[in-house]
Amino acid sequence: MSHEQYQSVIQSLHDCMEACNHCFDSCLQEEDVNMMAECIRLDRECADICAYLEQSLVRNSPFSAELANVCAQICEACGNECQKHNHDHCQTCAEACFACAEACKSIA
């Protein structure tokens, strides 16, 4: 399949990567950074896998389905962690992560 057929997934991946990067940066500004450590770690994992899968889809990697499966798992983990925190950036990130996980499952 060409990357054009994955446009909605690619957009979800990009949106999730941006949300995770924003959440990561915002979490570092919170008063109790130690309490945000797991959120920060998962934001980084999620942003990185989303960026990598986005690139993989654009170049039509033969491993896209496998990467999408892993990406969905990481997005769900990040979304679940972000959902625990009442900060707007965490809630926005959780929404993006869950949407991305669903998009990834559609091609996994």
PDB file of N, CA and C in Angstrom:
ATOM      1  N   MET A   1       0.836  -1.187   0.000  1.00  0.00           N
ATOM      2  CA  MET A   1       0.000   0.000   0.000  1.00  0.00           C
ATOM      3  C   MET A   1       0.880   1.249   0.000  1.00  0.00           C
ATOM      4  N   SER A   2       0.414   2.269  -0.692  1.00  0.00           N
ATOM      5  CA  SER A   2       1.176   3.512  -0.712  1.00  0.00           C
ATOM      6  C   SER A   2       0.843   4.345   0.524  1.00  0.00           C
ATOM      7  N   HIS A   3       1.739   5.247   0.848  1.00  0.00           N
ATOM      8  CA  HIS A   3       1.538   6.051   2.057  1.00  0.00           C
ATOM      9  C   HIS A   3       0.297   6.939   1.966  1.00  0.00           C
ATOM     10  N   GLU A   4      -0.164   7.237   0.758  1.00  0.00           N
ATOM     11  CA  GLU A   4      -1.380   8.036   0.617  1.00  0.00           C
ATOM     12  C   GLU A   4      -2.581   7.347   1.255  1.00  0.00           C
ATOM     13  N   GLN A   5      -2.583   6.023   1.237  1.00  0.00           N
ATOM     14  CA  GLN A   5      -3.691   5.260   1.811  1.00  0.00           C
ATOM     15  C   GLN A   5      -3.682   5.307   3.336  1.00  0.00           C
ATOM     16  N   TYR A   6      -2.587   5.739   3.912  1.00  0.00           N
ATOM     17  CA  TYR A   6      -2.444   5.813   5.365  1.00  0.00           C
ATOM     18  C   TYR A   6      -2.551   7.242   5.888  1.00  0.00           C
ATOM     19  N   GLN A   7      -3.034   8.185   5.072  1.00  0.00           N
ATOM     20  CA  GLN A   7      -3.013   9.595   5.461  1.00  0.00           C
ATOM     21  C   GLN A   7      -3.664   9.869   6.807  1.00  0.00           C
ATOM     22  N   SER A   8      -4.810   9.253   7.107  1.00  0.00           N
ATOM     23  CA  SER A   8      -5.468   9.540   8.388  1.00  0.00           C
ATOM     24  C   SER A   8      -4.652   8.976   9.555  1.00  0.00           C
ATOM     25  N   VAL A   9      -4.017   7.816   9.344  1.00  0.00           N
ATOM     26  CA  VAL A   9      -3.161   7.244  10.383  1.00  0.00           C
ATOM     27  C   VAL A   9      -1.931   8.127  10.579  1.00  0.00           C
ATOM     28  N   ILE A  10      -1.352   8.558   9.481  1.00  0.00           N
ATOM     29  CA  ILE A  10      -0.172   9.429   9.548  1.00  0.00           C
ATOM     30  C   ILE A  10      -0.509  10.707  10.305  1.00  0.00           C
ATOM     31  N   GLN A  11      -1.689  11.266  10.056  1.00  0.00           N
ATOM     32  CA  GLN A  11      -2.095  12.487  10.766  1.00  0.00           C
ATOM     33  C   GLN A  11      -2.277  12.214  12.252  1.00  0.00           C
ATOM     34  N   SER A  12      -2.877  11.074  12.600  1.00  0.00           N
ATOM     35  CA  SER A  12      -3.047  10.710  14.009  1.00  0.00           C
ATOM     36  C   SER A  12      -1.702  10.540  14.696  1.00  0.00           C
ATOM     37  N   LEU A  13      -0.766   9.912  14.006  1.00  0.00           N
ATOM     38  CA  LEU A  13       0.582   9.723  14.553  1.00  0.00           C
ATOM     39  C   LEU A  13       1.252  11.074  14.798  1.00  0.00           C
ATOM     40  N   HIS A  14       1.129  11.965  13.833  1.00  0.00           N
ATOM     41  CA  HIS A  14       1.760  13.278  13.965  1.00  0.00           C
ATOM     42  C   HIS A  14       1.122  14.081  15.103  1.00  0.00           C
ATOM     43  N   ASP A  15      -0.199  14.042  15.180  1.00  0.00           N
ATOM     44  CA  ASP A  15      -0.902  14.748  16.255  1.00  0.00           C
ATOM     45  C   ASP A  15      -0.506  14.204  17.623  1.00  0.00           C
ATOM     46  N   CYS A  16      -0.387  12.883  17.724  1.00  0.00           N
ATOM     47  CA  CYS A  16      -0.013  12.254  18.988  1.00  0.00           C
ATOM     48  C   CYS A  16       1.423  12.627  19.368  1.00  0.00           C
ATOM     49  N   MET A  17       2.319  12.597  18.393  1.00  0.00           N
ATOM     50  CA  MET A  17       3.705  12.976  18.657  1.00  0.00           C
ATOM     51  C   MET A  17       3.774  14.397  19.189  1.00  0.00           C
ATOM     52  N   GLU A  18       3.038  15.310  18.566  1.00  0.00           N
ATOM     53  CA  GLU A  18       3.040  16.699  19.024  1.00  0.00           C
ATOM     54  C   GLU A  18       2.456  16.824  20.432  1.00  0.00           C
ATOM     55  N   ALA A  19       1.361  16.125  20.699  1.00  0.00           N
ATOM     56  CA  ALA A  19       0.731  16.175  22.023  1.00  0.00           C
ATOM     57  C   ALA A  19       1.674  15.622  23.090  1.00  0.00           C
ATOM     58  N   CYS A  20       2.352  14.529  22.773  1.00  0.00           N
ATOM     59  CA  CYS A  20       3.294  13.929  23.724  1.00  0.00           C
ATOM     60  C   CYS A  20       4.484  14.846  23.982  1.00  0.00           C
ATOM     61  N   ASN A  21       4.988  15.478  22.943  1.00  0.00           N
ATOM     62  CA  ASN A  21       6.110  16.397  23.127  1.00  0.00           C
ATOM     63  C   ASN A  21       5.691  17.608  23.963  1.00  0.00           C
ATOM     64  N   HIS A  22       4.498  18.107  23.738  1.00  0.00           N
ATOM     65  CA  HIS A  22       3.995  19.225  24.541  1.00  0.00           C
ATOM     66  C   HIS A  22       3.800  18.789  25.999  1.00  0.00           C
ATOM     67  N   CYS A  23       3.214  17.615  26.191  1.00  0.00           N
ATOM     68  CA  CYS A  23       2.981  17.097  27.539  1.00  0.00           C
ATOM     69  C   CYS A  23       4.315  16.896  28.267  1.00  0.00           C
ATOM     70  N   PHE A  24       5.268  16.300  27.575  1.00  0.00           N
ATOM     71  CA  PHE A  24       6.611  16.082  28.124  1.00  0.00           C
ATOM     72  C   PHE A  24       7.197  17.396  28.645  1.00  0.00           C
ATOM     73  N   ASP A  25       7.176  18.418  27.784  1.00  0.00           N
ATOM     74  CA  ASP A  25       7.746  19.709  28.151  1.00  0.00           C
ATOM     75  C   ASP A  25       6.959  20.347  29.297  1.00  0.00           C
ATOM     76  N   SER A  26       5.640  20.251  29.247  1.00  0.00           N
ATOM     77  CA  SER A  26       4.807  20.834  30.298  1.00  0.00           C
ATOM     78  C   SER A  26       4.987  20.113  31.629  1.00  0.00           C
ATOM     79  N   CYS A  27       5.120  18.799  31.583  1.00  0.00           N
ATOM     80  CA  CYS A  27       5.340  18.023  32.814  1.00  0.00           C
ATOM     81  C   CYS A  27       6.632  18.451  33.508  1.00  0.00           C
ATOM     82  N   LEU A  28       7.639  18.799  32.722  1.00  0.00           N
ATOM     83  CA  LEU A  28       8.907  19.246  33.304  1.00  0.00           C
ATOM     84  C   LEU A  28       8.767  20.578  34.034  1.00  0.00           C
ATOM     85  N   GLN A  29       7.703  21.308  33.746  1.00  0.00           N
ATOM     86  CA  GLN A  29       7.456  22.606  34.391  1.00  0.00           C
ATOM     87  C   GLN A  29       6.572  22.485  35.633  1.00  0.00           C
ATOM     88  N   GLU A  30       6.025  21.300  35.892  1.00  0.00           N
ATOM     89  CA  GLU A  30       5.144  21.109  37.043  1.00  0.00           C
ATOM     90  C   GLU A  30       5.941  21.190  38.340  1.00  0.00           C
ATOM     91  N   GLU A  31       5.246  21.560  39.435  1.00  0.00           N
ATOM     92  CA  GLU A  31       5.904  21.701  40.734  1.00  0.00           C
ATOM     93  C   GLU A  31       6.545  20.395  41.195  1.00  0.00           C
ATOM     94  N   ASP A  32       5.821  19.304  41.090  1.00  0.00           N
ATOM     95  CA  ASP A  32       6.325  18.007  41.550  1.00  0.00           C
ATOM     96  C   ASP A  32       6.711  17.145  40.343  1.00  0.00           C
ATOM     97  N   VAL A  33       7.884  17.426  39.814  1.00  0.00           N
ATOM     98  CA  VAL A  33       8.357  16.719  38.619  1.00  0.00           C
ATOM     99  C   VAL A  33       8.500  15.218  38.902  1.00  0.00           C
ATOM    100  N   ASN A  34       8.904  14.868  40.125  1.00  0.00           N
ATOM    101  CA  ASN A  34       9.062  13.447  40.461  1.00  0.00           C
ATOM    102  C   ASN A  34       7.746  12.688  40.309  1.00  0.00           C
ATOM    103  N   MET A  35       6.629  13.343  40.654  1.00  0.00           N
ATOM    104  CA  MET A  35       5.325  12.703  40.510  1.00  0.00           C
ATOM    105  C   MET A  35       4.987  12.488  39.030  1.00  0.00           C
ATOM    106  N   MET A  36       5.591  13.267  38.151  1.00  0.00           N
ATOM    107  CA  MET A  36       5.313  13.201  36.717  1.00  0.00           C
ATOM    108  C   MET A  36       6.302  12.315  35.963  1.00  0.00           C
ATOM    109  N   ALA A  37       7.207  11.671  36.666  1.00  0.00           N
ATOM    110  CA  ALA A  37       8.293  10.931  36.021  1.00  0.00           C
ATOM    111  C   ALA A  37       7.801   9.874  35.041  1.00  0.00           C
ATOM    112  N   GLU A  38       6.816   9.081  35.431  1.00  0.00           N
ATOM    113  CA  GLU A  38       6.317   8.033  34.538  1.00  0.00           C
ATOM    114  C   GLU A  38       5.612   8.640  33.323  1.00  0.00           C
ATOM    115  N   CYS A  39       4.903   9.729  33.534  1.00  0.00           N
ATOM    116  CA  CYS A  39       4.250  10.429  32.432  1.00  0.00           C
ATOM    117  C   CYS A  39       5.301  10.946  31.444  1.00  0.00           C
ATOM    118  N   ILE A  40       6.332  11.557  31.966  1.00  0.00           N
ATOM    119  CA  ILE A  40       7.414  12.081  31.132  1.00  0.00           C
ATOM    120  C   ILE A  40       8.067  10.954  30.337  1.00  0.00           C
ATOM    121  N   ARG A  41       8.374   9.852  31.005  1.00  0.00           N
ATOM    122  CA  ARG A  41       9.022   8.724  30.327  1.00  0.00           C
ATOM    123  C   ARG A  41       8.150   8.190  29.199  1.00  0.00           C
ATOM    124  N   LEU A  42       6.867   7.991  29.485  1.00  0.00           N
ATOM    125  CA  LEU A  42       5.971   7.443  28.462  1.00  0.00           C
ATOM    126  C   LEU A  42       5.701   8.452  27.340  1.00  0.00           C
ATOM    127  N   ASP A  43       5.670   9.748  27.671  1.00  0.00           N
ATOM    128  CA  ASP A  43       5.550  10.760  26.616  1.00  0.00           C
ATOM    129  C   ASP A  43       6.689  10.621  25.612  1.00  0.00           C
ATOM    130  N   ARG A  44       7.897  10.432  26.129  1.00  0.00           N
ATOM    131  CA  ARG A  44       9.066  10.292  25.232  1.00  0.00           C
ATOM    132  C   ARG A  44       8.956   9.026  24.399  1.00  0.00           C
ATOM    133  N   GLU A  45       8.620   7.908  25.035  1.00  0.00           N
ATOM    134  CA  GLU A  45       8.476   6.639  24.307  1.00  0.00           C
ATOM    135  C   GLU A  45       7.439   6.778  23.196  1.00  0.00           C
ATOM    136  N   CYS A  46       6.305   7.367  23.548  1.00  0.00           N
ATOM    137  CA  CYS A  46       5.196   7.486  22.619  1.00  0.00           C
ATOM    138  C   CYS A  46       5.546   8.426  21.460  1.00  0.00           C
ATOM    139  N   ALA A  47       6.101   9.576  21.759  1.00  0.00           N
ATOM    140  CA  ALA A  47       6.474  10.518  20.696  1.00  0.00           C
ATOM    141  C   ALA A  47       7.461   9.880  19.727  1.00  0.00           C
ATOM    142  N   ASP A  48       8.418   9.150  20.272  1.00  0.00           N
ATOM    143  CA  ASP A  48       9.440   8.530  19.424  1.00  0.00           C
ATOM    144  C   ASP A  48       8.858   7.447  18.527  1.00  0.00           C
ATOM    145  N   ILE A  49       8.013   6.571  19.064  1.00  0.00           N
ATOM    146  CA  ILE A  49       7.463   5.489  18.241  1.00  0.00           C
ATOM    147  C   ILE A  49       6.488   6.049  17.212  1.00  0.00           C
ATOM    148  N   CYS A  50       5.738   7.090  17.579  1.00  0.00           N
ATOM    149  CA  CYS A  50       4.818   7.705  16.616  1.00  0.00           C
ATOM    150  C   CYS A  50       5.593   8.322  15.449  1.00  0.00           C
ATOM    151  N   ALA A  51       6.672   9.026  15.758  1.00  0.00           N
ATOM    152  CA  ALA A  51       7.499   9.628  14.706  1.00  0.00           C
ATOM    153  C   ALA A  51       8.106   8.544  13.820  1.00  0.00           C
ATOM    154  N   TYR A  52       8.566   7.467  14.439  1.00  0.00           N
ATOM    155  CA  TYR A  52       9.183   6.389  13.666  1.00  0.00           C
ATOM    156  C   TYR A  52       8.156   5.692  12.776  1.00  0.00           C
ATOM    157  N   LEU A  53       6.978   5.402  13.317  1.00  0.00           N
ATOM    158  CA  LEU A  53       5.955   4.743  12.507  1.00  0.00           C
ATOM    159  C   LEU A  53       5.492   5.665  11.388  1.00  0.00           C
ATOM    160  N   GLU A  54       5.372   6.952  11.665  1.00  0.00           N
ATOM    161  CA  GLU A  54       4.992   7.893  10.608  1.00  0.00           C
ATOM    162  C   GLU A  54       5.983   7.812   9.444  1.00  0.00           C
ATOM    163  N   GLN A  55       7.269   7.819   9.760  1.00  0.00           N
ATOM    164  CA  GLN A  55       8.293   7.708   8.721  1.00  0.00           C
ATOM    165  C   GLN A  55       8.210   6.359   8.009  1.00  0.00           C
ATOM    166  N   SER A  56       7.950   5.310   8.761  1.00  0.00           N
ATOM    167  CA  SER A  56       7.866   3.967   8.178  1.00  0.00           C
ATOM    168  C   SER A  56       6.725   3.863   7.179  1.00  0.00           C
ATOM    169  N   LEU A  57       5.598   4.473   7.519  1.00  0.00           N
ATOM    170  CA  LEU A  57       4.453   4.440   6.611  1.00  0.00           C
ATOM    171  C   LEU A  57       4.734   5.232   5.337  1.00  0.00           C
ATOM    172  N   VAL A  58       5.391   6.368   5.479  1.00  0.00           N
ATOM    173  CA  VAL A  58       5.699   7.192   4.316  1.00  0.00           C
ATOM    174  C   VAL A  58       6.649   6.462   3.370  1.00  0.00           C
ATOM    175  N   ARG A  59       7.579   5.691   3.930  1.00  0.00           N
ATOM    176  CA  ARG A  59       8.529   4.978   3.064  1.00  0.00           C
ATOM    177  C   ARG A  59       8.079   3.555   2.747  1.00  0.00           C
ATOM    178  N   ASN A  60       6.843   3.215   3.139  1.00  0.00           N
ATOM    179  CA  ASN A  60       6.253   1.917   2.821  1.00  0.00           C
ATOM    180  C   ASN A  60       7.078   0.747   3.361  1.00  0.00           C
ATOM    181  N   SER A  61       7.444   0.831   4.623  1.00  0.00           N
ATOM    182  CA  SER A  61       8.231  -0.211   5.276  1.00  0.00           C
ATOM    183  C   SER A  61       7.458  -1.532   5.306  1.00  0.00           C
ATOM    184  N   PRO A  62       8.160  -2.638   5.088  1.00  0.00           N
ATOM    185  CA  PRO A  62       7.490  -3.939   5.190  1.00  0.00           C
ATOM    186  C   PRO A  62       7.156  -4.321   6.636  1.00  0.00           C
ATOM    187  N   PHE A  63       7.596  -3.532   7.598  1.00  0.00           N
ATOM    188  CA  PHE A  63       7.357  -3.816   9.012  1.00  0.00           C
ATOM    189  C   PHE A  63       6.281  -2.910   9.620  1.00  0.00           C
ATOM    190  N   SER A  64       5.559  -2.196   8.791  1.00  0.00           N
ATOM    191  CA  SER A  64       4.574  -1.220   9.275  1.00  0.00           C
ATOM    192  C   SER A  64       3.529  -1.846  10.195  1.00  0.00           C
ATOM    193  N   ALA A  65       3.018  -3.000   9.848  1.00  0.00           N
ATOM    194  CA  ALA A  65       1.974  -3.628  10.671  1.00  0.00           C
ATOM    195  C   ALA A  65       2.511  -3.978  12.056  1.00  0.00           C
ATOM    196  N   GLU A  66       3.713  -4.518  12.104  1.00  0.00           N
ATOM    197  CA  GLU A  66       4.307  -4.879  13.390  1.00  0.00           C
ATOM    198  C   GLU A  66       4.584  -3.633  14.228  1.00  0.00           C
ATOM    199  N   LEU A  67       5.115  -2.606  13.582  1.00  0.00           N
ATOM    200  CA  LEU A  67       5.385  -1.353  14.285  1.00  0.00           C
ATOM    201  C   LEU A  67       4.092  -0.710  14.771  1.00  0.00           C
ATOM    202  N   ALA A  68       3.030  -0.801  13.970  1.00  0.00           N
ATOM    203  CA  ALA A  68       1.736  -0.240  14.360  1.00  0.00           C
ATOM    204  C   ALA A  68       1.198  -0.942  15.602  1.00  0.00           C
ATOM    205  N   ASN A  69       1.416  -2.229  15.699  1.00  0.00           N
ATOM    206  CA  ASN A  69       0.974  -2.981  16.880  1.00  0.00           C
ATOM    207  C   ASN A  69       1.704  -2.497  18.132  1.00  0.00           C
ATOM    208  N   VAL A  70       3.000  -2.346  18.040  1.00  0.00           N
ATOM    209  CA  VAL A  70       3.795  -1.848  19.170  1.00  0.00           C
ATOM    210  C   VAL A  70       3.401  -0.408  19.492  1.00  0.00           C
ATOM    211  N   CYS A  71       3.204   0.395  18.466  1.00  0.00           N
ATOM    212  CA  CYS A  71       2.824   1.790  18.671  1.00  0.00           C
ATOM    213  C   CYS A  71       1.486   1.883  19.403  1.00  0.00           C
ATOM    214  N   ALA A  72       0.535   1.052  19.021  1.00  0.00           N
ATOM    215  CA  ALA A  72      -0.772   1.058  19.691  1.00  0.00           C
ATOM    216  C   ALA A  72      -0.617   0.744  21.174  1.00  0.00           C
ATOM    217  N   GLN A  73       0.243  -0.216  21.498  1.00  0.00           N
ATOM    218  CA  GLN A  73       0.461  -0.579  22.899  1.00  0.00           C
ATOM    219  C   GLN A  73       1.078   0.577  23.688  1.00  0.00           C
ATOM    220  N   ILE A  74       2.063   1.224  23.088  1.00  0.00           N
ATOM    221  CA  ILE A  74       2.729   2.339  23.762  1.00  0.00           C
ATOM    222  C   ILE A  74       1.778   3.524  23.904  1.00  0.00           C
ATOM    223  N   CYS A  75       0.997   3.795  22.864  1.00  0.00           N
ATOM    224  CA  CYS A  75       0.021   4.894  22.935  1.00  0.00           C
ATOM    225  C   CYS A  75      -0.995   4.647  24.052  1.00  0.00           C
ATOM    226  N   GLU A  76      -1.460   3.423  24.174  1.00  0.00           N
ATOM    227  CA  GLU A  76      -2.415   3.106  25.238  1.00  0.00           C
ATOM    228  C   GLU A  76      -1.782   3.273  26.617  1.00  0.00           C
ATOM    229  N   ALA A  77      -0.544   2.814  26.766  1.00  0.00           N
ATOM    230  CA  ALA A  77       0.147   2.965  28.049  1.00  0.00           C
ATOM    231  C   ALA A  77       0.322   4.441  28.393  1.00  0.00           C
ATOM    232  N   CYS A  78       0.715   5.236  27.423  1.00  0.00           N
ATOM    233  CA  CYS A  78       0.910   6.665  27.647  1.00  0.00           C
ATOM    234  C   CYS A  78      -0.431   7.330  27.961  1.00  0.00           C
ATOM    235  N   GLY A  79      -1.454   6.995  27.212  1.00  0.00           N
ATOM    236  CA  GLY A  79      -2.773   7.556  27.463  1.00  0.00           C
ATOM    237  C   GLY A  79      -3.290   7.216  28.844  1.00  0.00           C
ATOM    238  N   ASN A  80      -3.080   5.979  29.263  1.00  0.00           N
ATOM    239  CA  ASN A  80      -3.522   5.560  30.598  1.00  0.00           C
ATOM    240  C   ASN A  80      -2.793   6.325  31.691  1.00  0.00           C
ATOM    241  N   GLU A  81      -1.506   6.556  31.509  1.00  0.00           N
ATOM    242  CA  GLU A  81      -0.738   7.317  32.494  1.00  0.00           C
ATOM    243  C   GLU A  81      -1.168   8.784  32.500  1.00  0.00           C
ATOM    244  N   CYS A  82      -1.269   9.378  31.335  1.00  0.00           N
ATOM    245  CA  CYS A  82      -1.651  10.791  31.255  1.00  0.00           C
ATOM    246  C   CYS A  82      -3.041  11.027  31.847  1.00  0.00           C
ATOM    247  N   GLN A  83      -3.916  10.074  31.658  1.00  0.00           N
ATOM    248  CA  GLN A  83      -5.286  10.184  32.150  1.00  0.00           C
ATOM    249  C   GLN A  83      -5.345  10.305  33.677  1.00  0.00           C
ATOM    250  N   LYS A  84      -4.305   9.836  34.353  1.00  0.00           N
ATOM    251  CA  LYS A  84      -4.258   9.882  35.817  1.00  0.00           C
ATOM    252  C   LYS A  84      -4.036  11.290  36.352  1.00  0.00           C
ATOM    253  N   HIS A  85      -3.559  12.191  35.510  1.00  0.00           N
ATOM    254  CA  HIS A  85      -3.185  13.539  35.942  1.00  0.00           C
ATOM    255  C   HIS A  85      -4.219  14.546  35.466  1.00  0.00           C
ATOM    256  N   ASN A  86      -4.548  15.503  36.313  1.00  0.00           N
ATOM    257  CA  ASN A  86      -5.596  16.481  36.015  1.00  0.00           C
ATOM    258  C   ASN A  86      -5.126  17.661  35.160  1.00  0.00           C
ATOM    259  N   HIS A  87      -3.874  17.710  34.822  1.00  0.00           N
ATOM    260  CA  HIS A  87      -3.362  18.823  34.015  1.00  0.00           C
ATOM    261  C   HIS A  87      -3.979  18.776  32.620  1.00  0.00           C
ATOM    262  N   ASP A  88      -4.291  19.945  32.088  1.00  0.00           N
ATOM    263  CA  ASP A  88      -4.884  20.009  30.747  1.00  0.00           C
ATOM    264  C   ASP A  88      -3.995  19.337  29.708  1.00  0.00           C
ATOM    265  N   HIS A  89      -2.688  19.570  29.802  1.00  0.00           N
ATOM    266  CA  HIS A  89      -1.783  18.986  28.812  1.00  0.00           C
ATOM    267  C   HIS A  89      -1.794  17.465  28.882  1.00  0.00           C
ATOM    268  N   CYS A  90      -1.961  16.901  30.068  1.00  0.00           N
ATOM    269  CA  CYS A  90      -2.028  15.446  30.207  1.00  0.00           C
ATOM    270  C   CYS A  90      -3.342  14.905  29.635  1.00  0.00           C
ATOM    271  N   GLN A  91      -4.431  15.596  29.895  1.00  0.00           N
ATOM    272  CA  GLN A  91      -5.726  15.152  29.384  1.00  0.00           C
ATOM    273  C   GLN A  91      -5.775  15.238  27.856  1.00  0.00           C
ATOM    274  N   THR A  92      -5.225  16.306  27.299  1.00  0.00           N
ATOM    275  CA  THR A  92      -5.156  16.457  25.844  1.00  0.00           C
ATOM    276  C   THR A  92      -4.287  15.363  25.243  1.00  0.00           C
ATOM    277  N   CYS A  93      -3.182  15.075  25.901  1.00  0.00           N
ATOM    278  CA  CYS A  93      -2.275  14.032  25.432  1.00  0.00           C
ATOM    279  C   CYS A  93      -2.956  12.663  25.484  1.00  0.00           C
ATOM    280  N   ALA A  94      -3.671  12.390  26.549  1.00  0.00           N
ATOM    281  CA  ALA A  94      -4.373  11.106  26.668  1.00  0.00           C
ATOM    282  C   ALA A  94      -5.344  10.923  25.516  1.00  0.00           C
ATOM    283  N   GLU A  95      -6.095  11.960  25.181  1.00  0.00           N
ATOM    284  CA  GLU A  95      -7.045  11.877  24.071  1.00  0.00           C
ATOM    285  C   GLU A  95      -6.325  11.562  22.760  1.00  0.00           C
ATOM    286  N   ALA A  96      -5.217  12.255  22.510  1.00  0.00           N
ATOM    287  CA  ALA A  96      -4.447  12.027  21.282  1.00  0.00           C
ATOM    288  C   ALA A  96      -3.875  10.615  21.253  1.00  0.00           C
ATOM    289  N   CYS A  97      -3.413  10.142  22.404  1.00  0.00           N
ATOM    290  CA  CYS A  97      -2.840   8.796  22.483  1.00  0.00           C
ATOM    291  C   CYS A  97      -3.892   7.724  22.189  1.00  0.00           C
ATOM    292  N   PHE A  98      -5.070   7.867  22.780  1.00  0.00           N
ATOM    293  CA  PHE A  98      -6.117   6.870  22.557  1.00  0.00           C
ATOM    294  C   PHE A  98      -6.591   6.887  21.100  1.00  0.00           C
ATOM    295  N   ALA A  99      -6.703   8.069  20.512  1.00  0.00           N
ATOM    296  CA  ALA A  99      -7.095   8.160  19.098  1.00  0.00           C
ATOM    297  C   ALA A  99      -6.032   7.517  18.205  1.00  0.00           C
ATOM    298  N   CYS A 100      -4.780   7.756  18.534  1.00  0.00           N
ATOM    299  CA  CYS A 100      -3.682   7.191  17.753  1.00  0.00           C
ATOM    300  C   CYS A 100      -3.634   5.670  17.903  1.00  0.00           C
ATOM    301  N   ALA A 101      -3.861   5.190  19.107  1.00  0.00           N
ATOM    302  CA  ALA A 101      -3.870   3.736  19.331  1.00  0.00           C
ATOM    303  C   ALA A 101      -4.921   3.068  18.442  1.00  0.00           C
ATOM    304  N   GLU A 102      -6.085   3.667  18.365  1.00  0.00           N
ATOM    305  CA  GLU A 102      -7.149   3.112  17.515  1.00  0.00           C
ATOM    306  C   GLU A 102      -6.747   3.149  16.045  1.00  0.00           C
ATOM    307  N   ALA A 103      -6.137   4.243  15.622  1.00  0.00           N
ATOM    308  CA  ALA A 103      -5.685   4.351  14.236  1.00  0.00           C
ATOM    309  C   ALA A 103      -4.632   3.285  13.919  1.00  0.00           C
ATOM    310  N   CYS A 104      -3.725   3.070  14.865  1.00  0.00           N
ATOM    311  CA  CYS A 104      -2.669   2.067  14.672  1.00  0.00           C
ATOM    312  C   CYS A 104      -3.253   0.661  14.587  1.00  0.00           C
ATOM    313  N   LYS A 105      -4.251   0.402  15.426  1.00  0.00           N
ATOM    314  CA  LYS A 105      -4.877  -0.928  15.409  1.00  0.00           C
ATOM    315  C   LYS A 105      -5.525  -1.199  14.053  1.00  0.00           C
ATOM    316  N   SER A 106      -5.949  -0.169  13.367  1.00  0.00           N
ATOM    317  CA  SER A 106      -6.609  -0.364  12.080  1.00  0.00           C
ATOM    318  C   SER A 106      -5.648  -0.881  11.000  1.00  0.00           C
ATOM    319  N   ILE A 107      -4.353  -0.709  11.225  1.00  0.00           N
ATOM    320  CA  ILE A 107      -3.381  -1.199  10.236  1.00  0.00           C
ATOM    321  C   ILE A 107      -2.462  -2.287  10.796  1.00  0.00           C
ATOM    322  N   ALA A 108      -2.603  -2.581  12.072  1.00  0.00           N
ATOM    323  CA  ALA A 108      -1.718  -3.580  12.699  1.00  0.00           C
ATOM    324  C   ALA A 108      -2.072  -4.994  12.230  1.00  0.00           C
TER     325      ALA A 108
END
